[in-house]
Amino acid sequence: MAFKKLVSVSEVGEGSLVVVKTRHFNVVVTKVEGDFFAFEDSCTHDGEEISCGKLEGCVITCPRHFAKFDVRTGKVLALPATEPLLMFPVRVNGTDLEVDLEAV
């Protein structure tokens, strides 16, 4: 595992979508029901920035074609997407939120 700090825990509020630019792609970090999740900032249907969508509870809706995903698992909840979001393992290390971007 290659966990790296992306943000501080305090930067990610409940229900927020924090976009972090990495060398190769953008990652969305969110907090739902007290747990942190991270996924690639790309709708699997057409590549739209999923962070521009609306997060309601644990469901994020893509702003372009309204595909829906569970941000806890990446699972597709509504078409037109058929592939899940690319999810990354997350851990809290003190005040840091660390993500393993190499785990996929």
PDB file of N, CA and C in Angstrom:
ATOM      1  N   MET A   1       0.845  -1.188   0.000  1.00  0.00           N
ATOM      2  CA  MET A   1       0.000   0.000   0.000  1.00  0.00           C
ATOM      3  C   MET A   1       0.883   1.241   0.000  1.00  0.00           C
ATOM      4  N   ALA A   2       0.420   2.235  -0.715  1.00  0.00           N
ATOM      5  CA  ALA A   2       1.189   3.476  -0.847  1.00  0.00           C
ATOM      6  C   ALA A   2       0.309   4.668  -0.489  1.00  0.00           C
ATOM      7  N   PHE A   3      -0.068   4.756   0.771  1.00  0.00           N
ATOM      8  CA  PHE A   3      -0.919   5.856   1.211  1.00  0.00           C
ATOM      9  C   PHE A   3      -0.135   7.162   1.224  1.00  0.00           C
ATOM     10  N   LYS A   4      -0.774   8.216   0.705  1.00  0.00           N
ATOM     11  CA  LYS A   4      -0.197   9.560   0.676  1.00  0.00           C
ATOM     12  C   LYS A   4      -1.242  10.547   1.184  1.00  0.00           C
ATOM     13  N   LYS A   5      -0.767  11.557   1.915  1.00  0.00           N
ATOM     14  CA  LYS A   5      -1.682  12.593   2.394  1.00  0.00           C
ATOM     15  C   LYS A   5      -2.234  13.379   1.204  1.00  0.00           C
ATOM     16  N   LEU A   6      -3.566  13.521   1.168  1.00  0.00           N
ATOM     17  CA  LEU A   6      -4.191  14.372   0.151  1.00  0.00           C
ATOM     18  C   LEU A   6      -4.694  15.671   0.759  1.00  0.00           C
ATOM     19  N   VAL A   7      -5.320  15.573   1.925  1.00  0.00           N
ATOM     20  CA  VAL A   7      -5.873  16.746   2.601  1.00  0.00           C
ATOM     21  C   VAL A   7      -5.860  16.495   4.102  1.00  0.00           C
ATOM     22  N   SER A   8      -6.166  17.531   4.853  1.00  0.00           N
ATOM     23  CA  SER A   8      -6.360  17.384   6.289  1.00  0.00           C
ATOM     24  C   SER A   8      -7.789  16.938   6.543  1.00  0.00           C
ATOM     25  N   VAL A   9      -7.985  16.178   7.587  1.00  0.00           N
ATOM     26  CA  VAL A   9      -9.321  15.711   7.949  1.00  0.00           C
ATOM     27  C   VAL A   9     -10.278  16.890   8.087  1.00  0.00           C
ATOM     28  N   SER A  10      -9.804  17.993   8.646  1.00  0.00           N
ATOM     29  CA  SER A  10     -10.659  19.165   8.888  1.00  0.00           C
ATOM     30  C   SER A  10     -11.131  19.841   7.602  1.00  0.00           C
ATOM     31  N   GLU A  11     -10.487  19.554   6.470  1.00  0.00           N
ATOM     32  CA  GLU A  11     -10.871  20.168   5.197  1.00  0.00           C
ATOM     33  C   GLU A  11     -12.078  19.502   4.542  1.00  0.00           C
ATOM     34  N   VAL A  12     -12.457  18.315   5.031  1.00  0.00           N
ATOM     35  CA  VAL A  12     -13.533  17.553   4.398  1.00  0.00           C
ATOM     36  C   VAL A  12     -14.713  17.465   5.358  1.00  0.00           C
ATOM     37  N   GLY A  13     -15.683  18.344   5.157  1.00  0.00           N
ATOM     38  CA  GLY A  13     -16.870  18.357   5.997  1.00  0.00           C
ATOM     39  C   GLY A  13     -17.879  17.316   5.536  1.00  0.00           C
ATOM     40  N   GLU A  14     -18.778  16.985   6.418  1.00  0.00           N
ATOM     41  CA  GLU A  14     -19.841  16.036   6.110  1.00  0.00           C
ATOM     42  C   GLU A  14     -20.605  16.499   4.871  1.00  0.00           C
ATOM     43  N   GLY A  15     -20.701  15.624   3.859  1.00  0.00           N
ATOM     44  CA  GLY A  15     -21.447  15.919   2.645  1.00  0.00           C
ATOM     45  C   GLY A  15     -20.743  16.828   1.652  1.00  0.00           C
ATOM     46  N   SER A  16     -19.488  17.181   1.928  1.00  0.00           N
ATOM     47  CA  SER A  16     -18.766  18.049   0.994  1.00  0.00           C
ATOM     48  C   SER A  16     -18.046  17.209  -0.061  1.00  0.00           C
ATOM     49  N   LEU A  17     -17.692  17.849  -1.157  1.00  0.00           N
ATOM     50  CA  LEU A  17     -16.914  17.219  -2.229  1.00  0.00           C
ATOM     51  C   LEU A  17     -15.649  18.047  -2.412  1.00  0.00           C
ATOM     52  N   VAL A  18     -14.517  17.499  -1.993  1.00  0.00           N
ATOM     53  CA  VAL A  18     -13.242  18.200  -2.084  1.00  0.00           C
ATOM     54  C   VAL A  18     -12.444  17.575  -3.226  1.00  0.00           C
ATOM     55  N   VAL A  19     -12.082  18.393  -4.206  1.00  0.00           N
ATOM     56  CA  VAL A  19     -11.321  17.906  -5.356  1.00  0.00           C
ATOM     57  C   VAL A  19      -9.840  18.180  -5.130  1.00  0.00           C
ATOM     58  N   VAL A  20      -9.043  17.125  -5.285  1.00  0.00           N
ATOM     59  CA  VAL A  20      -7.599  17.231  -5.125  1.00  0.00           C
ATOM     60  C   VAL A  20      -6.950  16.857  -6.455  1.00  0.00           C
ATOM     61  N   LYS A  21      -6.130  17.757  -6.965  1.00  0.00           N
ATOM     62  CA  LYS A  21      -5.419  17.483  -8.223  1.00  0.00           C
ATOM     63  C   LYS A  21      -4.171  16.671  -7.906  1.00  0.00           C
ATOM     64  N   THR A  22      -4.027  15.529  -8.568  1.00  0.00           N
ATOM     65  CA  THR A  22      -2.814  14.726  -8.435  1.00  0.00           C
ATOM     66  C   THR A  22      -2.060  14.816  -9.753  1.00  0.00           C
ATOM     67  N   ARG A  23      -0.958  14.149  -9.827  1.00  0.00           N
ATOM     68  CA  ARG A  23      -0.140  14.211 -11.040  1.00  0.00           C
ATOM     69  C   ARG A  23      -0.861  13.708 -12.280  1.00  0.00           C
ATOM     70  N   HIS A  24      -1.692  12.694 -12.117  1.00  0.00           N
ATOM     71  CA  HIS A  24      -2.289  12.047 -13.282  1.00  0.00           C
ATOM     72  C   HIS A  24      -3.793  12.277 -13.441  1.00  0.00           C
ATOM     73  N   PHE A  25      -4.493  12.550 -12.354  1.00  0.00           N
ATOM     74  CA  PHE A  25      -5.944  12.741 -12.413  1.00  0.00           C
ATOM     75  C   PHE A  25      -6.417  13.436 -11.148  1.00  0.00           C
ATOM     76  N   ASN A  26      -7.660  13.880 -11.165  1.00  0.00           N
ATOM     77  CA  ASN A  26      -8.252  14.514  -9.993  1.00  0.00           C
ATOM     78  C   ASN A  26      -8.993  13.471  -9.157  1.00  0.00           C
ATOM     79  N   VAL A  27      -8.930  13.673  -7.844  1.00  0.00           N
ATOM     80  CA  VAL A  27      -9.578  12.764  -6.897  1.00  0.00           C
ATOM     81  C   VAL A  27     -10.585  13.568  -6.087  1.00  0.00           C
ATOM     82  N   VAL A  28     -11.764  12.993  -5.873  1.00  0.00           N
ATOM     83  CA  VAL A  28     -12.776  13.600  -5.023  1.00  0.00           C
ATOM     84  C   VAL A  28     -12.714  12.906  -3.672  1.00  0.00           C
ATOM     85  N   VAL A  29     -12.659  13.699  -2.614  1.00  0.00           N
ATOM     86  CA  VAL A  29     -12.708  13.169  -1.259  1.00  0.00           C
ATOM     87  C   VAL A  29     -13.983  13.695  -0.628  1.00  0.00           C
ATOM     88  N   THR A  30     -14.724  12.797   0.033  1.00  0.00           N
ATOM     89  CA  THR A  30     -15.968  13.188   0.675  1.00  0.00           C
ATOM     90  C   THR A  30     -16.111  12.485   2.016  1.00  0.00           C
ATOM     91  N   LYS A  31     -17.038  12.984   2.810  1.00  0.00           N
ATOM     92  CA  LYS A  31     -17.345  12.383   4.112  1.00  0.00           C
ATOM     93  C   LYS A  31     -18.846  12.148   4.165  1.00  0.00           C
ATOM     94  N   VAL A  32     -19.222  10.889   4.384  1.00  0.00           N
ATOM     95  CA  VAL A  32     -20.638  10.521   4.455  1.00  0.00           C
ATOM     96  C   VAL A  32     -20.858   9.702   5.720  1.00  0.00           C
ATOM     97  N   GLU A  33     -21.783  10.154   6.545  1.00  0.00           N
ATOM     98  CA  GLU A  33     -22.112   9.476   7.806  1.00  0.00           C
ATOM     99  C   GLU A  33     -20.859   9.228   8.643  1.00  0.00           C
ATOM    100  N   GLY A  34     -19.935  10.200   8.631  1.00  0.00           N
ATOM    101  CA  GLY A  34     -18.741  10.132   9.453  1.00  0.00           C
ATOM    102  C   GLY A  34     -17.568   9.380   8.854  1.00  0.00           C
ATOM    103  N   ASP A  35     -17.756   8.736   7.710  1.00  0.00           N
ATOM    104  CA  ASP A  35     -16.683   7.986   7.065  1.00  0.00           C
ATOM    105  C   ASP A  35     -16.199   8.727   5.818  1.00  0.00           C
ATOM    106  N   PHE A  36     -14.909   8.567   5.520  1.00  0.00           N
ATOM    107  CA  PHE A  36     -14.304   9.225   4.366  1.00  0.00           C
ATOM    108  C   PHE A  36     -14.206   8.267   3.187  1.00  0.00           C
ATOM    109  N   PHE A  37     -14.391   8.821   1.984  1.00  0.00           N
ATOM    110  CA  PHE A  37     -14.324   8.050   0.741  1.00  0.00           C
ATOM    111  C   PHE A  37     -13.587   8.873  -0.308  1.00  0.00           C
ATOM    112  N   ALA A  38     -12.929   8.184  -1.235  1.00  0.00           N
ATOM    113  CA  ALA A  38     -12.203   8.869  -2.308  1.00  0.00           C
ATOM    114  C   ALA A  38     -12.422   8.124  -3.619  1.00  0.00           C
ATOM    115  N   PHE A  39     -12.589   8.891  -4.701  1.00  0.00           N
ATOM    116  CA  PHE A  39     -12.822   8.301  -6.018  1.00  0.00           C
ATOM    117  C   PHE A  39     -12.344   9.253  -7.094  1.00  0.00           C
ATOM    118  N   GLU A  40     -12.092   8.702  -8.282  1.00  0.00           N
ATOM    119  CA  GLU A  40     -11.654   9.525  -9.396  1.00  0.00           C
ATOM    120  C   GLU A  40     -12.756  10.497  -9.793  1.00  0.00           C
ATOM    121  N   ASP A  41     -12.372  11.720 -10.124  1.00  0.00           N
ATOM    122  CA  ASP A  41     -13.340  12.762 -10.481  1.00  0.00           C
ATOM    123  C   ASP A  41     -13.744  12.627 -11.949  1.00  0.00           C
ATOM    124  N   SER A  42     -14.363  11.496 -12.265  1.00  0.00           N
ATOM    125  CA  SER A  42     -14.751  11.229 -13.645  1.00  0.00           C
ATOM    126  C   SER A  42     -15.942  10.285 -13.671  1.00  0.00           C
ATOM    127  N   CYS A  43     -17.020  10.720 -14.312  1.00  0.00           N
ATOM    128  CA  CYS A  43     -18.170   9.839 -14.503  1.00  0.00           C
ATOM    129  C   CYS A  43     -17.746   8.728 -15.461  1.00  0.00           C
ATOM    130  N   THR A  44     -18.071   7.507 -15.134  1.00  0.00           N
ATOM    131  CA  THR A  44     -17.658   6.384 -15.972  1.00  0.00           C
ATOM    132  C   THR A  44     -18.471   6.291 -17.260  1.00  0.00           C
ATOM    133  N   HIS A  45     -19.507   7.091 -17.394  1.00  0.00           N
ATOM    134  CA  HIS A  45     -20.291   7.097 -18.626  1.00  0.00           C
ATOM    135  C   HIS A  45     -19.613   7.908 -19.716  1.00  0.00           C
ATOM    136  N   ASP A  46     -19.184   9.149 -19.373  1.00  0.00           N
ATOM    137  CA  ASP A  46     -18.614  10.000 -20.432  1.00  0.00           C
ATOM    138  C   ASP A  46     -17.459  10.881 -19.981  1.00  0.00           C
ATOM    139  N   GLY A  47     -16.962  10.666 -18.773  1.00  0.00           N
ATOM    140  CA  GLY A  47     -15.804  11.415 -18.312  1.00  0.00           C
ATOM    141  C   GLY A  47     -16.078  12.766 -17.681  1.00  0.00           C
ATOM    142  N   GLU A  48     -17.324  13.166 -17.580  1.00  0.00           N
ATOM    143  CA  GLU A  48     -17.680  14.435 -16.942  1.00  0.00           C
ATOM    144  C   GLU A  48     -17.124  14.470 -15.517  1.00  0.00           C
ATOM    145  N   GLU A  49     -16.737  15.645 -15.043  1.00  0.00           N
ATOM    146  CA  GLU A  49     -16.279  15.792 -13.666  1.00  0.00           C
ATOM    147  C   GLU A  49     -17.458  15.528 -12.733  1.00  0.00           C
ATOM    148  N   ILE A  50     -17.401  14.407 -12.054  1.00  0.00           N
ATOM    149  CA  ILE A  50     -18.500  14.005 -11.182  1.00  0.00           C
ATOM    150  C   ILE A  50     -18.646  14.961  -9.991  1.00  0.00           C
ATOM    151  N   SER A  51     -17.559  15.641  -9.637  1.00  0.00           N
ATOM    152  CA  SER A  51     -17.602  16.591  -8.517  1.00  0.00           C
ATOM    153  C   SER A  51     -18.501  17.787  -8.794  1.00  0.00           C
ATOM    154  N   CYS A  52     -18.850  18.009 -10.053  1.00  0.00           N
ATOM    155  CA  CYS A  52     -19.770  19.096 -10.414  1.00  0.00           C
ATOM    156  C   CYS A  52     -21.220  18.684 -10.197  1.00  0.00           C
ATOM    157  N   GLY A  53     -21.426  17.429  -9.848  1.00  0.00           N
ATOM    158  CA  GLY A  53     -22.766  16.912  -9.624  1.00  0.00           C
ATOM    159  C   GLY A  53     -23.261  17.202  -8.220  1.00  0.00           C
ATOM    160  N   LYS A  54     -24.404  16.624  -7.913  1.00  0.00           N
ATOM    161  CA  LYS A  54     -25.050  16.863  -6.625  1.00  0.00           C
ATOM    162  C   LYS A  54     -24.912  15.622  -5.751  1.00  0.00           C
ATOM    163  N   LEU A  55     -24.460  15.825  -4.514  1.00  0.00           N
ATOM    164  CA  LEU A  55     -24.366  14.742  -3.540  1.00  0.00           C
ATOM    165  C   LEU A  55     -25.539  14.848  -2.583  1.00  0.00           C
ATOM    166  N   GLU A  56     -26.337  13.779  -2.531  1.00  0.00           N
ATOM    167  CA  GLU A  56     -27.461  13.705  -1.601  1.00  0.00           C
ATOM    168  C   GLU A  56     -27.302  12.428  -0.799  1.00  0.00           C
ATOM    169  N   GLY A  57     -26.972  12.586   0.486  1.00  0.00           N
ATOM    170  CA  GLY A  57     -26.679  11.409   1.304  1.00  0.00           C
ATOM    171  C   GLY A  57     -25.427  10.751   0.766  1.00  0.00           C
ATOM    172  N   CYS A  58     -25.552   9.494   0.355  1.00  0.00           N
ATOM    173  CA  CYS A  58     -24.399   8.768  -0.198  1.00  0.00           C
ATOM    174  C   CYS A  58     -24.461   8.655  -1.717  1.00  0.00           C
ATOM    175  N   VAL A  59     -25.411   9.352  -2.358  1.00  0.00           N
ATOM    176  CA  VAL A  59     -25.605   9.242  -3.806  1.00  0.00           C
ATOM    177  C   VAL A  59     -25.173  10.531  -4.501  1.00  0.00           C
ATOM    178  N   ILE A  60     -24.264  10.360  -5.483  1.00  0.00           N
ATOM    179  CA  ILE A  60     -23.858  11.498  -6.300  1.00  0.00           C
ATOM    180  C   ILE A  60     -24.444  11.322  -7.699  1.00  0.00           C
ATOM    181  N   THR A  61     -24.958  12.426  -8.242  1.00  0.00           N
ATOM    182  CA  THR A  61     -25.565  12.425  -9.572  1.00  0.00           C
ATOM    183  C   THR A  61     -24.694  13.222 -10.526  1.00  0.00           C
ATOM    184  N   CYS A  62     -24.338  12.609 -11.648  1.00  0.00           N
ATOM    185  CA  CYS A  62     -23.545  13.286 -12.660  1.00  0.00           C
ATOM    186  C   CYS A  62     -24.381  14.419 -13.266  1.00  0.00           C
ATOM    187  N   PRO A  63     -23.785  15.603 -13.434  1.00  0.00           N
ATOM    188  CA  PRO A  63     -24.552  16.737 -13.947  1.00  0.00           C
ATOM    189  C   PRO A  63     -24.881  16.650 -15.437  1.00  0.00           C
ATOM    190  N   ARG A  64     -24.184  15.814 -16.177  1.00  0.00           N
ATOM    191  CA  ARG A  64     -24.401  15.784 -17.629  1.00  0.00           C
ATOM    192  C   ARG A  64     -25.571  14.882 -18.030  1.00  0.00           C
ATOM    193  N   HIS A  65     -25.520  13.615 -17.671  1.00  0.00           N
ATOM    194  CA  HIS A  65     -26.569  12.682 -18.096  1.00  0.00           C
ATOM    195  C   HIS A  65     -27.286  12.016 -16.926  1.00  0.00           C
ATOM    196  N   PHE A  66     -27.002  12.478 -15.724  1.00  0.00           N
ATOM    197  CA  PHE A  66     -27.723  12.088 -14.510  1.00  0.00           C
ATOM    198  C   PHE A  66     -27.516  10.641 -14.069  1.00  0.00           C
ATOM    199  N   ALA A  67     -26.377  10.053 -14.432  1.00  0.00           N
ATOM    200  CA  ALA A  67     -26.017   8.752 -13.868  1.00  0.00           C
ATOM    201  C   ALA A  67     -25.846   8.949 -12.364  1.00  0.00           C
ATOM    202  N   LYS A  68     -26.169   7.923 -11.595  1.00  0.00           N
ATOM    203  CA  LYS A  68     -26.063   7.997 -10.132  1.00  0.00           C
ATOM    204  C   LYS A  68     -25.136   6.901  -9.627  1.00  0.00           C
ATOM    205  N   PHE A  69     -24.355   7.269  -8.586  1.00  0.00           N
ATOM    206  CA  PHE A  69     -23.399   6.346  -7.993  1.00  0.00           C
ATOM    207  C   PHE A  69     -23.468   6.436  -6.468  1.00  0.00           C
ATOM    208  N   ASP A  70     -23.155   5.335  -5.798  1.00  0.00           N
ATOM    209  CA  ASP A  70     -22.996   5.314  -4.349  1.00  0.00           C
ATOM    210  C   ASP A  70     -21.544   5.668  -4.070  1.00  0.00           C
ATOM    211  N   VAL A  71     -21.279   6.776  -3.376  1.00  0.00           N
ATOM    212  CA  VAL A  71     -19.902   7.222  -3.144  1.00  0.00           C
ATOM    213  C   VAL A  71     -19.178   6.354  -2.113  1.00  0.00           C
ATOM    214  N   ARG A  72     -19.896   5.491  -1.424  1.00  0.00           N
ATOM    215  CA  ARG A  72     -19.246   4.594  -0.459  1.00  0.00           C
ATOM    216  C   ARG A  72     -18.627   3.386  -1.146  1.00  0.00           C
ATOM    217  N   THR A  73     -19.210   2.976  -2.279  1.00  0.00           N
ATOM    218  CA  THR A  73     -18.769   1.753  -2.950  1.00  0.00           C
ATOM    219  C   THR A  73     -18.397   1.976  -4.409  1.00  0.00           C
ATOM    220  N   GLY A  74     -18.870   3.072  -4.998  1.00  0.00           N
ATOM    221  CA  GLY A  74     -18.678   3.330  -6.419  1.00  0.00           C
ATOM    222  C   GLY A  74     -19.756   2.706  -7.287  1.00  0.00           C
ATOM    223  N   LYS A  75     -20.631   1.922  -6.689  1.00  0.00           N
ATOM    224  CA  LYS A  75     -21.661   1.184  -7.426  1.00  0.00           C
ATOM    225  C   LYS A  75     -22.575   2.110  -8.221  1.00  0.00           C
ATOM    226  N   VAL A  76     -22.883   1.683  -9.457  1.00  0.00           N
ATOM    227  CA  VAL A  76     -23.828   2.416 -10.301  1.00  0.00           C
ATOM    228  C   VAL A  76     -25.239   2.196  -9.759  1.00  0.00           C
ATOM    229  N   LEU A  77     -25.981   3.289  -9.601  1.00  0.00           N
ATOM    230  CA  LEU A  77     -27.354   3.215  -9.120  1.00  0.00           C
ATOM    231  C   LEU A  77     -28.373   3.597 -10.183  1.00  0.00           C
ATOM    232  N   ALA A  78     -27.913   4.291 -11.241  1.00  0.00           N
ATOM    233  CA  ALA A  78     -28.821   4.692 -12.325  1.00  0.00           C
ATOM    234  C   ALA A  78     -28.035   4.863 -13.616  1.00  0.00           C
ATOM    235  N   LEU A  79     -28.622   4.387 -14.706  1.00  0.00           N
ATOM    236  CA  LEU A  79     -28.047   4.548 -16.037  1.00  0.00           C
ATOM    237  C   LEU A  79     -27.999   6.025 -16.406  1.00  0.00           C
ATOM    238  N   PRO A  80     -27.199   6.429 -17.369  1.00  0.00           N
ATOM    239  CA  PRO A  80     -26.610   5.613 -18.418  1.00  0.00           C
ATOM    240  C   PRO A  80     -25.276   4.970 -18.060  1.00  0.00           C
ATOM    241  N   ALA A  81     -24.677   5.256 -16.924  1.00  0.00           N
ATOM    242  CA  ALA A  81     -23.413   4.613 -16.549  1.00  0.00           C
ATOM    243  C   ALA A  81     -23.648   3.129 -16.285  1.00  0.00           C
ATOM    244  N   THR A  82     -22.668   2.328 -16.636  1.00  0.00           N
ATOM    245  CA  THR A  82     -22.742   0.888 -16.365  1.00  0.00           C
ATOM    246  C   THR A  82     -21.525   0.401 -15.577  1.00  0.00           C
ATOM    247  N   GLU A  83     -20.480   1.222 -15.513  1.00  0.00           N
ATOM    248  CA  GLU A  83     -19.260   0.872 -14.777  1.00  0.00           C
ATOM    249  C   GLU A  83     -19.207   1.676 -13.480  1.00  0.00           C
ATOM    250  N   PRO A  84     -18.735   1.058 -12.394  1.00  0.00           N
ATOM    251  CA  PRO A  84     -18.652   1.782 -11.115  1.00  0.00           C
ATOM    252  C   PRO A  84     -17.568   2.858 -11.131  1.00  0.00           C
ATOM    253  N   LEU A  85     -17.663   3.791 -10.188  1.00  0.00           N
ATOM    254  CA  LEU A  85     -16.616   4.786 -10.007  1.00  0.00           C
ATOM    255  C   LEU A  85     -15.330   4.093  -9.587  1.00  0.00           C
ATOM    256  N   LEU A  86     -14.203   4.677  -9.947  1.00  0.00           N
ATOM    257  CA  LEU A  86     -12.906   4.170  -9.538  1.00  0.00           C
ATOM    258  C   LEU A  86     -12.646   4.674  -8.115  1.00  0.00           C
ATOM    259  N   MET A  87     -12.691   3.741  -7.156  1.00  0.00           N
ATOM    260  CA  MET A  87     -12.568   4.075  -5.740  1.00  0.00           C
ATOM    261  C   MET A  87     -11.138   3.834  -5.246  1.00  0.00           C
ATOM    262  N   PHE A  88     -10.743   4.596  -4.219  1.00  0.00           N
ATOM    263  CA  PHE A  88      -9.423   4.460  -3.624  1.00  0.00           C
ATOM    264  C   PHE A  88      -9.553   4.230  -2.118  1.00  0.00           C
ATOM    265  N   PRO A  89      -8.688   3.376  -1.551  1.00  0.00           N
ATOM    266  CA  PRO A  89      -8.686   3.189  -0.092  1.00  0.00           C
ATOM    267  C   PRO A  89      -8.299   4.493   0.607  1.00  0.00           C
ATOM    268  N   VAL A  90      -8.946   4.752   1.750  1.00  0.00           N
ATOM    269  CA  VAL A  90      -8.722   5.968   2.528  1.00  0.00           C
ATOM    270  C   VAL A  90      -8.436   5.574   3.973  1.00  0.00           C
ATOM    271  N   ARG A  91      -7.536   6.323   4.608  1.00  0.00           N
ATOM    272  CA  ARG A  91      -7.327   6.130   6.041  1.00  0.00           C
ATOM    273  C   ARG A  91      -7.027   7.473   6.688  1.00  0.00           C
ATOM    274  N   VAL A  92      -7.340   7.549   7.962  1.00  0.00           N
ATOM    275  CA  VAL A  92      -7.028   8.734   8.754  1.00  0.00           C
ATOM    276  C   VAL A  92      -5.745   8.437   9.517  1.00  0.00           C
ATOM    277  N   ASN A  93      -4.803   9.361   9.416  1.00  0.00           N
ATOM    278  CA  ASN A  93      -3.536   9.238  10.122  1.00  0.00           C
ATOM    279  C   ASN A  93      -3.330  10.537  10.883  1.00  0.00           C
ATOM    280  N   GLY A  94      -3.746  10.560  12.138  1.00  0.00           N
ATOM    281  CA  GLY A  94      -3.707  11.796  12.929  1.00  0.00           C
ATOM    282  C   GLY A  94      -4.696  12.791  12.366  1.00  0.00           C
ATOM    283  N   THR A  95      -4.188  13.924  11.906  1.00  0.00           N
ATOM    284  CA  THR A  95      -5.063  14.945  11.315  1.00  0.00           C
ATOM    285  C   THR A  95      -5.052  14.890   9.789  1.00  0.00           C
ATOM    286  N   ASP A  96      -4.331  13.909   9.238  1.00  0.00           N
ATOM    287  CA  ASP A  96      -4.214  13.776   7.782  1.00  0.00           C
ATOM    288  C   ASP A  96      -5.179  12.735   7.230  1.00  0.00           C
ATOM    289  N   LEU A  97      -5.678  13.018   6.049  1.00  0.00           N
ATOM    290  CA  LEU A  97      -6.481  12.053   5.311  1.00  0.00           C
ATOM    291  C   LEU A  97      -5.585  11.517   4.202  1.00  0.00           C
ATOM    292  N   GLU A  98      -5.307  10.218   4.246  1.00  0.00           N
ATOM    293  CA  GLU A  98      -4.398   9.607   3.302  1.00  0.00           C
ATOM    294  C   GLU A  98      -5.160   8.678   2.357  1.00  0.00           C
ATOM    295  N   VAL A  99      -4.739   8.666   1.105  1.00  0.00           N
ATOM    296  CA  VAL A  99      -5.400   7.873   0.073  1.00  0.00           C
ATOM    297  C   VAL A  99      -4.334   7.048  -0.660  1.00  0.00           C
ATOM    298  N   ASP A 100      -4.671   5.799  -0.961  1.00  0.00           N
ATOM    299  CA  ASP A 100      -3.759   4.948  -1.729  1.00  0.00           C
ATOM    300  C   ASP A 100      -4.181   5.003  -3.191  1.00  0.00           C
ATOM    301  N   LEU A 101      -3.510   5.846  -3.970  1.00  0.00           N
ATOM    302  CA  LEU A 101      -3.856   6.032  -5.383  1.00  0.00           C
ATOM    303  C   LEU A 101      -3.306   4.916  -6.264  1.00  0.00           C
ATOM    304  N   GLU A 102      -2.478   4.045  -5.707  1.00  0.00           N
ATOM    305  CA  GLU A 102      -1.894   2.957  -6.484  1.00  0.00           C
ATOM    306  C   GLU A 102      -2.636   1.643  -6.279  1.00  0.00           C
ATOM    307  N   ALA A 103      -3.690   1.654  -5.504  1.00  0.00           N
ATOM    308  CA  ALA A 103      -4.386   0.412  -5.147  1.00  0.00           C
ATOM    309  C   ALA A 103      -5.283  -0.132  -6.254  1.00  0.00           C
ATOM    310  N   VAL A 104      -5.463   0.633  -7.318  1.00  0.00           N
ATOM    311  CA  VAL A 104      -6.380   0.186  -8.377  1.00  0.00           C
ATOM    312  C   VAL A 104      -5.678  -0.544  -9.489  1.00  0.00           C
TER     313      VAL A 104
END
